[in-house]
Amino acid sequence: MLSDIKQTVSDFDAKALVIGLPLESDGSESEMSIMARDMARKFDLSLEIPVFLQDERVTSYEAKGRLWQRGVKPNKTRQFVDSEAAAIILNDFLDRANNLSRS
């Protein structure tokens, strides 16, 4: 997996890696969020670009809603949910970064 990520970073001249952080709905840590933090730490040690965590709560629900609004049939939604949620996570990260830079 690390070699694939390194290759993707190189192929696209990525400037950062954003990893979704699956927190519980109340914001507390889950077992999956602990795993995501561990993965981010390992990538941070292995890559030459910064690694960021981005809250991904409710992105799957939002992704499903966006797909339905675009007319994707419910039986086809599952195959697109992860990529749509990833786009939402990245957009949320960029919005947060832009808001911080304006402060």
N, C-alpha and C. Protein backbone atom coordinates (compact mmCIF):
# COMPACT_ATOMS: atom_id res chain seq x y z
N MET A 1 0.82 -1.19 0.00
CA MET A 1 0.00 0.00 0.00
C MET A 1 0.87 1.26 0.00
N LEU A 2 1.93 1.28 0.81
CA LEU A 2 2.79 2.46 0.87
C LEU A 2 3.42 2.75 -0.49
N SER A 3 3.88 1.71 -1.16
CA SER A 3 4.51 1.93 -2.46
C SER A 3 3.50 2.48 -3.47
N ASP A 4 2.24 2.03 -3.39
CA ASP A 4 1.18 2.56 -4.27
C ASP A 4 0.94 4.04 -3.99
N ILE A 5 0.88 4.40 -2.71
CA ILE A 5 0.66 5.81 -2.34
C ILE A 5 1.85 6.66 -2.80
N LYS A 6 3.06 6.17 -2.57
CA LYS A 6 4.24 6.92 -3.01
C LYS A 6 4.22 7.12 -4.52
N GLN A 7 3.81 6.10 -5.26
CA GLN A 7 3.76 6.22 -6.71
C GLN A 7 2.70 7.22 -7.13
N THR A 8 1.55 7.19 -6.49
CA THR A 8 0.47 8.13 -6.81
C THR A 8 0.89 9.56 -6.49
N VAL A 9 1.54 9.74 -5.35
CA VAL A 9 2.06 11.07 -4.98
C VAL A 9 3.01 11.57 -6.05
N SER A 10 3.88 10.70 -6.50
CA SER A 10 4.84 11.08 -7.54
C SER A 10 4.16 11.35 -8.88
N ASP A 11 3.27 10.45 -9.28
CA ASP A 11 2.59 10.59 -10.58
C ASP A 11 1.82 11.89 -10.69
N PHE A 12 1.20 12.30 -9.60
CA PHE A 12 0.35 13.50 -9.64
C PHE A 12 1.01 14.72 -9.02
N ASP A 13 2.27 14.59 -8.63
CA ASP A 13 3.00 15.67 -7.98
C ASP A 13 2.18 16.25 -6.82
N ALA A 14 1.65 15.33 -6.00
CA ALA A 14 0.79 15.72 -4.88
C ALA A 14 1.58 16.57 -3.88
N LYS A 15 0.89 17.53 -3.31
CA LYS A 15 1.50 18.44 -2.34
C LYS A 15 1.13 18.08 -0.91
N ALA A 16 0.14 17.19 -0.74
CA ALA A 16 -0.29 16.77 0.58
C ALA A 16 -1.14 15.51 0.43
N LEU A 17 -1.31 14.81 1.54
CA LEU A 17 -2.19 13.65 1.60
C LEU A 17 -3.25 13.93 2.64
N VAL A 18 -4.51 13.79 2.25
CA VAL A 18 -5.63 14.02 3.17
C VAL A 18 -6.29 12.67 3.43
N ILE A 19 -6.41 12.32 4.70
CA ILE A 19 -7.01 11.06 5.11
C ILE A 19 -8.28 11.36 5.89
N GLY A 20 -9.36 10.69 5.54
CA GLY A 20 -10.62 10.85 6.27
C GLY A 20 -10.52 10.31 7.68
N LEU A 21 -11.04 11.06 8.62
CA LEU A 21 -11.03 10.67 10.03
C LEU A 21 -12.46 10.30 10.44
N PRO A 22 -12.73 9.00 10.60
CA PRO A 22 -14.09 8.54 10.91
C PRO A 22 -14.42 8.64 12.41
N LEU A 23 -14.80 9.82 12.83
CA LEU A 23 -15.19 10.03 14.22
C LEU A 23 -16.63 9.56 14.43
N GLU A 24 -16.97 9.33 15.69
CA GLU A 24 -18.36 9.03 16.04
C GLU A 24 -19.19 10.29 15.82
N SER A 25 -20.51 10.15 15.77
CA SER A 25 -21.38 11.29 15.49
C SER A 25 -21.24 12.40 16.54
N ASP A 26 -20.85 12.04 17.76
CA ASP A 26 -20.67 13.05 18.81
C ASP A 26 -19.25 13.63 18.83
N GLY A 27 -18.42 13.20 17.89
CA GLY A 27 -17.06 13.72 17.80
C GLY A 27 -16.03 12.90 18.55
N SER A 28 -16.46 11.87 19.24
CA SER A 28 -15.51 11.05 20.00
C SER A 28 -14.78 10.07 19.06
N GLU A 29 -13.69 9.54 19.56
CA GLU A 29 -12.89 8.60 18.79
C GLU A 29 -13.60 7.24 18.68
N SER A 30 -13.38 6.59 17.56
CA SER A 30 -13.86 5.23 17.35
C SER A 30 -12.64 4.35 17.10
N GLU A 31 -12.84 3.07 17.03
CA GLU A 31 -11.72 2.19 16.70
C GLU A 31 -11.18 2.52 15.31
N MET A 32 -12.08 2.84 14.40
CA MET A 32 -11.64 3.20 13.04
C MET A 32 -10.88 4.52 13.02
N SER A 33 -11.25 5.47 13.86
CA SER A 33 -10.52 6.74 13.88
C SER A 33 -9.12 6.54 14.46
N ILE A 34 -8.99 5.65 15.42
CA ILE A 34 -7.67 5.33 15.97
C ILE A 34 -6.80 4.71 14.88
N MET A 35 -7.41 3.83 14.07
CA MET A 35 -6.67 3.21 12.96
C MET A 35 -6.27 4.26 11.93
N ALA A 36 -7.17 5.19 11.63
CA ALA A 36 -6.86 6.25 10.67
C ALA A 36 -5.73 7.14 11.18
N ARG A 37 -5.75 7.46 12.47
CA ARG A 37 -4.67 8.28 13.04
C ARG A 37 -3.33 7.55 12.95
N ASP A 38 -3.35 6.23 13.21
CA ASP A 38 -2.13 5.43 13.12
C ASP A 38 -1.62 5.40 11.68
N MET A 39 -2.53 5.22 10.73
CA MET A 39 -2.16 5.21 9.32
C MET A 39 -1.57 6.56 8.92
N ALA A 40 -2.19 7.64 9.35
CA ALA A 40 -1.70 8.98 9.03
C ALA A 40 -0.30 9.19 9.60
N ARG A 41 -0.08 8.73 10.81
CA ARG A 41 1.24 8.86 11.44
C ARG A 41 2.30 8.12 10.63
N LYS A 42 1.96 6.91 10.20
CA LYS A 42 2.91 6.12 9.42
C LYS A 42 3.19 6.76 8.06
N PHE A 43 2.16 7.26 7.40
CA PHE A 43 2.37 7.97 6.14
C PHE A 43 3.22 9.22 6.36
N ASP A 44 2.96 9.92 7.45
CA ASP A 44 3.72 11.13 7.75
C ASP A 44 5.21 10.83 7.90
N LEU A 45 5.53 9.68 8.47
CA LEU A 45 6.92 9.28 8.63
C LEU A 45 7.55 8.80 7.32
N SER A 46 6.73 8.35 6.39
CA SER A 46 7.23 7.71 5.17
C SER A 46 7.18 8.59 3.93
N LEU A 47 6.39 9.62 3.96
CA LEU A 47 6.24 10.49 2.78
C LEU A 47 6.93 11.82 3.00
N GLU A 48 7.25 12.49 1.92
CA GLU A 48 7.92 13.79 2.01
C GLU A 48 6.94 14.93 1.84
N ILE A 49 5.66 14.65 1.99
CA ILE A 49 4.62 15.68 1.90
C ILE A 49 3.83 15.64 3.22
N PRO A 50 3.18 16.74 3.57
CA PRO A 50 2.40 16.74 4.80
C PRO A 50 1.18 15.83 4.69
N VAL A 51 0.79 15.28 5.82
CA VAL A 51 -0.37 14.40 5.90
C VAL A 51 -1.38 15.05 6.85
N PHE A 52 -2.61 15.15 6.40
CA PHE A 52 -3.67 15.78 7.18
C PHE A 52 -4.82 14.81 7.40
N LEU A 53 -5.49 14.98 8.53
CA LEU A 53 -6.71 14.24 8.81
C LEU A 53 -7.89 15.19 8.66
N GLN A 54 -8.97 14.70 8.06
CA GLN A 54 -10.17 15.52 7.87
C GLN A 54 -11.38 14.74 8.36
N ASP A 55 -12.16 15.35 9.22
CA ASP A 55 -13.39 14.76 9.74
C ASP A 55 -14.26 14.29 8.57
N GLU A 56 -14.69 13.04 8.62
CA GLU A 56 -15.50 12.52 7.53
C GLU A 56 -16.90 12.11 7.97
N ARG A 57 -17.31 12.60 9.15
CA ARG A 57 -18.66 12.26 9.61
C ARG A 57 -19.69 12.68 8.59
N VAL A 58 -20.65 11.87 8.37
CA VAL A 58 -21.82 12.02 7.50
C VAL A 58 -21.50 12.21 6.01
N THR A 59 -20.24 12.03 5.60
CA THR A 59 -19.94 12.21 4.19
C THR A 59 -20.59 11.14 3.32
N SER A 60 -20.73 9.93 3.83
CA SER A 60 -21.38 8.88 3.04
C SER A 60 -22.85 9.22 2.79
N TYR A 61 -23.51 9.76 3.81
CA TYR A 61 -24.91 10.16 3.64
C TYR A 61 -25.03 11.32 2.64
N GLU A 62 -24.12 12.28 2.79
CA GLU A 62 -24.13 13.41 1.87
C GLU A 62 -23.83 12.95 0.44
N ALA A 63 -22.90 12.01 0.31
CA ALA A 63 -22.55 11.48 -1.01
C ALA A 63 -23.76 10.79 -1.65
N LYS A 64 -24.47 9.99 -0.88
CA LYS A 64 -25.66 9.32 -1.41
C LYS A 64 -26.69 10.35 -1.87
N GLY A 65 -26.89 11.37 -1.07
CA GLY A 65 -27.84 12.42 -1.43
C GLY A 65 -27.45 13.12 -2.71
N ARG A 66 -26.19 13.44 -2.87
CA ARG A 66 -25.73 14.11 -4.09
C ARG A 66 -25.92 13.21 -5.31
N LEU A 67 -25.62 11.92 -5.13
CA LEU A 67 -25.78 10.99 -6.24
C LEU A 67 -27.24 10.88 -6.64
N TRP A 68 -28.13 10.79 -5.67
CA TRP A 68 -29.57 10.70 -5.97
C TRP A 68 -30.04 11.97 -6.68
N GLN A 69 -29.54 13.14 -6.23
CA GLN A 69 -29.92 14.40 -6.87
C GLN A 69 -29.47 14.44 -8.33
N ARG A 70 -28.36 13.79 -8.63
CA ARG A 70 -27.87 13.74 -10.01
C ARG A 70 -28.54 12.65 -10.82
N GLY A 71 -29.47 11.92 -10.19
CA GLY A 71 -30.23 10.92 -10.92
C GLY A 71 -29.61 9.54 -10.98
N VAL A 72 -28.59 9.29 -10.14
CA VAL A 72 -28.02 7.95 -10.10
C VAL A 72 -29.03 7.02 -9.45
N LYS A 73 -29.31 5.92 -10.09
CA LYS A 73 -30.30 4.99 -9.57
C LYS A 73 -29.81 4.35 -8.27
N PRO A 74 -30.73 4.13 -7.32
CA PRO A 74 -30.33 3.57 -6.02
C PRO A 74 -29.49 2.29 -6.12
N ASN A 75 -29.77 1.43 -7.08
CA ASN A 75 -29.00 0.19 -7.19
C ASN A 75 -27.58 0.44 -7.73
N LYS A 76 -27.32 1.61 -8.27
CA LYS A 76 -25.99 1.97 -8.78
C LYS A 76 -25.21 2.86 -7.80
N THR A 77 -25.91 3.39 -6.81
CA THR A 77 -25.31 4.34 -5.88
C THR A 77 -24.09 3.76 -5.17
N ARG A 78 -24.19 2.52 -4.73
CA ARG A 78 -23.12 1.92 -3.93
C ARG A 78 -21.75 1.99 -4.61
N GLN A 79 -21.71 1.81 -5.92
CA GLN A 79 -20.42 1.79 -6.60
C GLN A 79 -19.77 3.17 -6.69
N PHE A 80 -20.52 4.24 -6.44
CA PHE A 80 -19.99 5.60 -6.54
C PHE A 80 -19.85 6.32 -5.19
N VAL A 81 -20.40 5.74 -4.13
CA VAL A 81 -20.44 6.43 -2.84
C VAL A 81 -19.04 6.77 -2.31
N ASP A 82 -18.12 5.83 -2.36
CA ASP A 82 -16.79 6.09 -1.80
C ASP A 82 -16.07 7.22 -2.52
N SER A 83 -16.12 7.23 -3.84
CA SER A 83 -15.42 8.30 -4.56
C SER A 83 -16.11 9.65 -4.35
N GLU A 84 -17.43 9.64 -4.27
CA GLU A 84 -18.15 10.89 -4.01
C GLU A 84 -17.84 11.40 -2.60
N ALA A 85 -17.80 10.48 -1.62
CA ALA A 85 -17.46 10.87 -0.24
C ALA A 85 -16.03 11.40 -0.17
N ALA A 86 -15.11 10.79 -0.91
CA ALA A 86 -13.72 11.27 -0.92
C ALA A 86 -13.65 12.69 -1.48
N ALA A 87 -14.45 12.97 -2.49
CA ALA A 87 -14.48 14.33 -3.04
C ALA A 87 -15.01 15.32 -2.01
N ILE A 88 -16.01 14.91 -1.24
CA ILE A 88 -16.56 15.77 -0.19
C ILE A 88 -15.52 16.02 0.89
N ILE A 89 -14.81 14.97 1.29
CA ILE A 89 -13.77 15.10 2.32
C ILE A 89 -12.70 16.08 1.85
N LEU A 90 -12.25 15.95 0.61
CA LEU A 90 -11.22 16.85 0.09
C LEU A 90 -11.75 18.28 -0.01
N ASN A 91 -12.96 18.44 -0.47
CA ASN A 91 -13.55 19.78 -0.56
C ASN A 91 -13.68 20.42 0.82
N ASP A 92 -14.11 19.64 1.81
CA ASP A 92 -14.20 20.15 3.19
C ASP A 92 -12.83 20.57 3.70
N PHE A 93 -11.81 19.77 3.40
CA PHE A 93 -10.45 20.09 3.81
C PHE A 93 -10.00 21.41 3.18
N LEU A 94 -10.22 21.55 1.88
CA LEU A 94 -9.81 22.77 1.18
C LEU A 94 -10.57 23.99 1.70
N ASP A 95 -11.86 23.84 1.97
CA ASP A 95 -12.63 24.93 2.55
C ASP A 95 -12.07 25.35 3.90
N ARG A 96 -11.75 24.36 4.72
CA ARG A 96 -11.18 24.63 6.04
C ARG A 96 -9.84 25.34 5.91
N ALA A 97 -8.99 24.87 5.00
CA ALA A 97 -7.68 25.49 4.79
C ALA A 97 -7.82 26.93 4.30
N ASN A 98 -8.76 27.16 3.38
CA ASN A 98 -8.99 28.53 2.89
C ASN A 98 -9.49 29.45 3.99
N ASN A 99 -10.37 28.95 4.83
CA ASN A 99 -10.88 29.76 5.94
C ASN A 99 -9.79 30.10 6.93
N LEU A 100 -8.87 29.17 7.18
CA LEU A 100 -7.76 29.41 8.09
C LEU A 100 -6.80 30.45 7.52
N SER A 101 -6.58 30.39 6.21
CA SER A 101 -5.65 31.34 5.60
C SER A 101 -6.20 32.76 5.56
N ARG A 102 -7.53 32.89 5.61
CA ARG A 102 -8.16 34.21 5.61
C ARG A 102 -8.18 34.83 7.00
N SER A 103 -8.00 34.01 8.01
CA SER A 103 -8.06 34.51 9.40
C SER A 103 -6.83 35.27 9.79
